Protein backbone atom coordinates (compact mmCIF):
# COMPACT_ATOMS: atom_id res chain seq x y z
CA MET A 1 -1.66 -19.89 6.33
CA ASN A 2 -1.27 -23.67 6.53
CA THR A 3 -2.89 -24.42 9.87
CA ASP A 4 -1.55 -27.98 9.98
CA VAL A 5 2.03 -26.76 9.56
CA VAL A 6 1.52 -24.07 12.21
CA ALA A 7 0.01 -26.58 14.65
CA GLU A 8 2.98 -28.93 14.18
CA ILE A 9 5.44 -26.06 14.66
CA MET A 10 3.75 -25.11 17.91
CA ARG A 11 3.74 -28.72 19.10
CA LEU A 12 7.44 -29.21 18.36
CA LYS A 13 8.32 -25.86 19.87
CA LYS A 14 6.76 -26.91 23.16
CA GLU A 15 8.13 -30.46 23.00
CA LYS A 16 11.70 -29.28 22.33
CA ASN A 17 11.60 -26.20 24.58
CA ALA A 18 12.37 -23.90 21.67
CA VAL A 19 11.85 -20.19 21.11
CA ILE A 20 11.16 -18.68 17.69
CA LEU A 21 12.64 -15.27 16.89
CA ALA A 22 11.62 -13.40 13.73
CA HIS A 23 13.08 -10.27 12.19
CA TYR A 24 10.71 -7.57 10.93
CA TYR A 25 11.68 -8.47 7.36
CA GLN A 26 10.36 -12.03 7.55
CA ILE A 27 7.19 -13.06 5.71
CA PRO A 28 3.97 -12.29 7.65
CA GLU A 29 3.24 -15.99 8.32
CA ILE A 30 6.53 -16.36 10.17
CA GLN A 31 6.08 -13.11 12.07
CA ASP A 32 2.68 -14.33 13.24
CA ILE A 33 4.05 -17.53 14.83
CA ALA A 34 7.13 -15.94 16.42
CA ASP A 35 7.58 -15.55 20.14
CA TYR A 36 9.47 -12.31 19.57
CA ILE A 37 9.69 -9.91 16.64
CA GLY A 38 12.35 -7.23 16.37
CA ASP A 39 15.72 -6.24 14.93
CA SER A 40 18.77 -8.50 15.11
CA LEU A 41 20.29 -7.20 18.36
CA ASN A 42 16.98 -6.90 20.18
CA LEU A 43 16.15 -10.49 19.25
CA SER A 44 19.56 -11.78 20.33
CA GLN A 45 19.18 -10.04 23.67
CA ARG A 46 15.73 -11.59 24.05
CA ALA A 47 17.26 -14.96 23.34
CA SER A 48 19.82 -14.48 26.10
CA GLU A 49 16.98 -14.01 28.58
CA THR A 50 15.03 -17.11 27.60
CA THR A 51 15.08 -20.46 29.34
CA ALA A 52 14.55 -22.22 26.00
CA GLU A 53 17.12 -24.83 25.01
CA ILE A 54 16.80 -24.18 21.27
CA ILE A 55 16.75 -20.79 19.56
CA LEU A 56 15.22 -20.82 16.08
CA PHE A 57 16.25 -17.53 14.47
CA CYS A 58 14.17 -16.57 11.45
CA GLY A 59 16.39 -14.00 9.81
CA VAL A 60 19.72 -14.21 8.01
CA HIS A 61 22.99 -15.94 8.83
CA PHE A 62 24.80 -13.12 10.67
CA MET A 63 21.78 -12.75 12.97
CA GLY A 64 22.02 -16.41 13.91
CA GLU A 65 25.73 -15.87 14.57
CA THR A 66 25.00 -12.94 16.87
CA ALA A 67 22.46 -15.01 18.78
CA LYS A 68 25.04 -17.80 19.17
CA ILE A 69 27.74 -15.34 20.30
CA LEU A 70 25.46 -14.04 23.04
CA ASN A 71 24.10 -17.50 23.89
CA PRO A 72 27.05 -19.88 23.45
CA THR A 73 25.57 -22.70 25.53
CA LYS A 74 22.32 -22.90 23.56
CA LYS A 75 21.61 -24.52 20.22
CA VAL A 76 20.92 -21.84 17.61
CA ILE A 77 19.34 -22.93 14.33
CA ILE A 78 18.19 -21.09 11.20
CA PRO A 79 15.63 -22.36 8.65
CA ASP A 80 17.78 -21.81 5.54
CA LEU A 81 21.57 -21.95 5.41
CA ASN A 82 21.54 -19.87 2.21
CA ALA A 83 19.89 -16.92 3.93
CA GLY A 84 22.89 -14.62 3.75
CA CYS A 85 23.13 -10.83 3.67
CA SER A 86 24.38 -8.61 0.86
CA LEU A 87 25.73 -6.09 3.38
CA ALA A 88 27.64 -8.66 5.43
CA ASP A 89 28.91 -10.29 2.22
CA SER A 90 30.23 -6.94 0.99
CA CYS A 91 32.89 -7.00 3.72
CA PRO A 92 35.21 -10.02 3.25
CA TYR A 93 37.43 -10.79 6.24
CA GLU A 94 40.87 -10.74 4.59
CA GLU A 95 40.16 -7.56 2.63
CA PHE A 96 38.84 -5.73 5.66
CA LYS A 97 41.75 -6.97 7.77
CA SER A 98 44.17 -5.43 5.24
CA PHE A 99 42.16 -2.20 5.23
CA ARG A 100 42.25 -2.02 9.00
CA ASN A 101 45.99 -2.79 9.14
CA ALA A 102 46.62 0.04 6.67
CA HIS A 103 45.16 2.48 9.23
CA PRO A 104 46.70 1.41 12.55
CA ASN A 105 45.73 4.60 14.41
CA HIS A 106 42.05 4.13 13.72
CA LEU A 107 39.52 2.41 15.97
CA VAL A 108 36.89 0.30 14.22
CA ILE A 109 33.16 0.75 14.72
CA SER A 110 31.27 -2.03 12.96
CA TYR A 111 27.56 -2.13 12.31
CA ILE A 112 26.05 -5.28 13.79
CA ASN A 113 25.07 -6.35 10.26
CA CYS A 114 28.42 -8.04 9.69
CA SER A 115 29.92 -11.50 10.11
CA ALA A 116 31.34 -12.87 13.35
CA GLN A 117 34.80 -12.67 11.77
CA ILE A 118 34.44 -8.95 11.06
CA LYS A 119 33.31 -8.45 14.64
CA THR A 120 36.67 -9.87 15.80
CA LEU A 121 38.39 -7.01 13.93
CA SER A 122 36.17 -4.39 15.57
CA ASP A 123 36.68 -2.29 18.68
CA ILE A 124 32.97 -1.79 19.21
CA ILE A 125 29.72 -2.82 17.52
CA CYS A 126 26.80 -0.49 16.91
CA THR A 127 23.23 -0.72 15.67
CA SER A 128 21.40 1.81 13.54
CA GLY A 129 19.58 2.79 16.74
CA ASN A 130 22.61 3.63 18.88
CA ALA A 131 25.25 4.42 16.23
CA ARG A 132 25.18 8.21 16.58
CA GLU A 133 25.62 8.19 20.34
CA LEU A 134 28.42 5.62 20.19
CA VAL A 135 30.28 7.56 17.49
CA GLU A 136 29.98 10.76 19.51
CA SER A 137 31.26 8.99 22.63
CA PHE A 138 34.75 8.89 21.08
CA PRO A 139 37.01 11.97 21.31
CA LYS A 140 36.76 14.10 18.18
CA ASP A 141 40.46 13.68 17.48
CA GLN A 142 40.20 9.87 17.55
CA PRO A 143 40.41 8.53 13.96
CA LEU A 144 37.62 6.06 13.25
CA ILE A 145 36.78 3.44 10.66
CA PHE A 146 33.12 2.62 10.09
CA ALA A 147 32.12 -0.67 8.47
CA PRO A 148 30.54 -2.23 6.55
CA ASP A 149 27.71 0.13 5.47
CA LYS A 150 28.94 3.27 3.70
CA ASN A 151 25.45 4.78 3.62
CA LEU A 152 24.94 4.50 7.36
CA GLY A 153 28.53 5.66 7.90
CA GLY A 154 28.05 8.66 5.61
CA TYR A 155 24.83 9.56 7.39
CA LEU A 156 26.66 9.44 10.72
CA ASN A 157 29.48 11.60 9.37
CA ARG A 158 26.95 14.23 8.32
CA LEU A 159 25.14 14.06 11.67
CA THR A 160 28.22 14.20 13.86
CA GLY A 161 30.62 16.26 11.76
CA ARG A 162 33.11 13.39 11.82
CA ASN A 163 35.26 12.19 8.98
CA MET A 164 35.22 8.44 9.61
CA LEU A 165 36.84 6.26 6.98
CA LEU A 166 34.06 4.22 5.39
CA TRP A 167 34.23 0.68 4.13
CA ASN A 168 32.56 0.48 0.71
CA GLY A 169 29.70 -1.85 1.59
CA THR A 170 25.93 -1.52 1.13
CA CYS A 171 22.65 -3.34 1.60
CA MET A 172 21.24 -3.95 -1.86
CA VAL A 173 17.64 -3.58 -0.63
CA HIS A 174 18.30 0.01 0.46
CA GLU A 175 21.02 0.96 -2.01
CA LEU A 176 18.75 0.40 -5.01
CA LEU A 177 16.17 2.94 -3.84
CA THR A 178 16.58 6.14 -5.86
CA ALA A 179 15.82 9.78 -5.12
CA GLU A 180 14.21 10.08 -8.54
CA HIS A 181 11.61 7.43 -7.75
CA VAL A 182 11.09 8.77 -4.22
CA LEU A 183 10.42 12.24 -5.62
CA LYS A 184 7.83 10.80 -8.00
CA LEU A 185 6.09 9.08 -5.10
CA LYS A 186 6.18 12.24 -2.98
CA MET A 187 4.59 14.17 -5.84
CA GLN A 188 2.01 11.44 -6.35
CA TYR A 189 1.26 11.21 -2.61
CA PRO A 190 1.94 14.73 -1.25
CA ASP A 191 0.13 14.11 2.05
CA TYR A 192 2.27 11.06 2.92
CA CYS A 193 5.14 11.22 5.42
CA LEU A 194 8.39 9.62 4.18
CA ILE A 195 10.28 7.56 6.75
CA ALA A 196 13.58 5.95 5.79
CA HIS A 197 16.22 3.58 7.13
CA PRO A 198 19.73 5.11 7.32
CA GLU A 199 21.05 2.31 5.09
CA CYS A 200 19.45 4.23 2.19
CA ASN A 201 21.75 6.43 0.14
CA ALA A 202 22.21 10.12 0.98
CA SER A 203 19.97 11.46 -1.81
CA VAL A 204 17.01 9.44 -0.49
CA LEU A 205 17.68 10.36 3.14
CA GLU A 206 17.65 14.06 2.26
CA LEU A 207 14.01 13.68 1.22
CA ALA A 208 12.90 11.87 4.38
CA ASN A 209 10.72 13.34 7.11
CA PHE A 210 12.12 10.81 9.59
CA ILE A 211 15.25 8.64 9.53
CA GLY A 212 15.68 5.76 11.95
CA SER A 213 16.33 2.10 12.63
CA THR A 214 13.67 -0.51 11.95
CA GLN A 215 12.62 -0.40 15.60
CA ALA A 216 12.63 3.41 15.59
CA MET A 217 10.48 3.51 12.47
CA VAL A 218 7.90 1.23 14.08
CA LYS A 219 7.85 3.44 17.19
CA TYR A 220 7.67 6.66 15.16
CA VAL A 221 4.64 5.51 13.19
CA LYS A 222 2.86 4.37 16.35
CA ASN A 223 3.39 7.70 18.10
CA SER A 224 2.87 9.95 15.08
CA SER A 225 -0.25 11.99 14.43
CA GLN A 226 0.37 11.36 10.72
CA THR A 227 -1.85 8.70 9.20
CA LYS A 228 -0.19 8.13 5.81
CA PHE A 229 3.38 6.95 5.29
CA LEU A 230 5.85 6.18 2.54
CA ILE A 231 8.23 3.49 3.85
CA ALA A 232 11.81 3.39 2.54
CA THR A 233 13.06 0.04 3.80
CA GLU A 234 12.39 -3.69 3.35
CA SER A 235 8.70 -4.40 2.81
CA GLY A 236 8.38 -6.93 5.63
CA ILE A 237 8.09 -4.12 8.16
CA VAL A 238 4.65 -3.20 6.86
CA HIS A 239 3.04 -6.31 8.35
CA GLN A 240 3.70 -5.17 11.92
CA LEU A 241 2.96 -1.54 11.06
CA ARG A 242 -0.49 -2.52 9.81
CA LYS A 243 -1.17 -4.77 12.79
CA GLU A 244 -0.23 -2.05 15.27
CA ASN A 245 -1.79 0.83 13.30
CA PRO A 246 -4.92 -0.49 11.52
CA ASN A 247 -6.21 3.00 10.81
CA LYS A 248 -3.03 4.19 9.07
CA GLU A 249 -1.97 3.77 5.45
CA PHE A 250 1.41 2.57 4.16
CA ILE A 251 3.09 2.53 0.77
CA ILE A 252 6.47 0.83 0.34
CA VAL A 253 9.07 2.76 -1.65
CA THR A 254 10.17 0.38 -4.41
CA THR A 255 13.14 0.29 -6.75
CA ASP A 256 10.97 1.28 -9.71
CA GLU A 257 7.38 1.70 -10.80
CA GLY A 258 7.15 -1.87 -12.06
CA CYS A 259 6.97 -3.57 -8.64
CA ALA A 260 4.87 -3.24 -5.52
CA CYS A 261 7.36 -4.39 -2.91
CA ASN A 262 10.97 -4.05 -1.84
CA ASP A 263 11.99 -7.51 -0.65
CA CYS A 264 15.28 -8.90 0.61
CA GLN A 265 15.71 -12.13 -1.33
CA TYR A 266 17.64 -13.66 1.56
CA MET A 267 15.07 -12.79 4.25
CA LYS A 268 12.32 -14.21 2.06
CA LEU A 269 14.06 -17.60 1.72
CA ASN A 270 12.55 -18.61 5.04
CA THR A 271 9.11 -20.25 4.88
CA LEU A 272 6.77 -21.96 7.34
CA GLU A 273 7.70 -25.33 5.85
CA LYS A 274 11.40 -24.61 6.41
CA VAL A 275 10.69 -23.52 9.98
CA LEU A 276 8.92 -26.83 10.58
CA TYR A 277 11.77 -28.83 9.01
CA SER A 278 14.31 -26.89 11.06
CA LEU A 279 12.49 -27.69 14.29
CA LYS A 280 12.08 -31.36 13.36
CA THR A 281 15.71 -31.92 12.41
CA GLU A 282 17.29 -29.14 14.50
CA GLN A 283 18.97 -27.82 11.36
CA TYR A 284 20.70 -25.69 10.33
CA GLU A 285 22.78 -25.19 13.45
CA ILE A 286 25.06 -22.18 13.84
CA LYS A 287 28.41 -23.51 14.99
CA LEU A 288 31.22 -21.15 15.99
CA SER A 289 34.52 -21.99 17.64
CA GLU A 290 35.02 -20.97 21.26
CA GLU A 291 37.80 -18.61 20.19
CA LEU A 292 35.61 -16.93 17.56
CA ILE A 293 32.77 -16.54 20.04
CA ASN A 294 35.06 -15.02 22.68
CA GLN A 295 36.72 -12.60 20.25
CA SER A 296 33.54 -11.50 18.50
CA LYS A 297 31.68 -11.09 21.78
CA LYS A 298 34.09 -8.46 23.14
CA PRO A 299 32.99 -5.54 20.90
CA ILE A 300 29.32 -6.46 21.41
CA ILE A 301 29.78 -6.36 25.19
CA ARG A 302 31.55 -2.98 24.82
CA MET A 303 28.54 -1.70 22.91
CA LEU A 304 26.13 -2.93 25.57
CA GLU A 305 28.21 -1.49 28.41
CA LYS A 306 28.65 1.88 26.69
CA SER A 307 24.99 1.97 25.74
CA LYS A 308 24.03 1.45 29.39
CA ALA A 309 26.46 4.16 30.48
CA LEU A 310 24.92 6.55 27.95
CA GLY A 311 21.40 5.68 29.15
CA LEU A 312 20.40 4.12 25.83
CA ILE A 313 19.41 0.80 27.41
CA LYS A 314 18.56 -0.25 30.93
């Protein structure tokens, strides 16, 4: 780690009254300098509680948007404007609007991994951690659309017995993992426990010993008596897993035998140097219109209110 860069980041952070948020999928060097590490919603909620004037969100673009939606009076910046998301990009606004209009009797549940515009077309937002409970909170005869992740939506349909209409979107990091390769790894490492993110396809999830959100996976490993794990999600999570569980072993499930990691190219665009530049110049700022913030905030607030009513959050 470049100690000079880190020292300057820390100096500027204090000088500018900034807070640094980092997603689990960021490079280890960024995770190590962050004030908070977590998933996108958890980090945005943390941001809403801070007295910092500047929020530097080390993640991808939709995460910065969510932080801005929940903290409209604060300056939200991200280190790289090109840090997009294959899942969010798989759900274009006009196409999804037409899809929704074609099913007027359906309510829309959107995974938080979507753009602010898609959130305006949603009745409620969910995360991978609260999705099942929120789906089950609707009457069984209420038609539902789930977007944008078809893998998470399919998993929820199987769990709940629902028949939600699914938007045909995926996260390329999880979609490319195959059951064939997972089976090879399980045969090669028979004493390892396979934990998987529900954004993986159904054939991979069927092989998993535990399925859960990024946060849930971290918690599961910490509380488990198992000491060896196969991890079916983005490789950045392993940094925190190793820090919190130094006596446990982890192997990332990859797309094939020719690589040793499973990286999101967008998450890995962020670097320490870009974090420093972002703090110095206060770029790149997330700017959303007041109308977009107000409209996209409504389904997020509904999620938070319903989650509290269901006892999922305090």
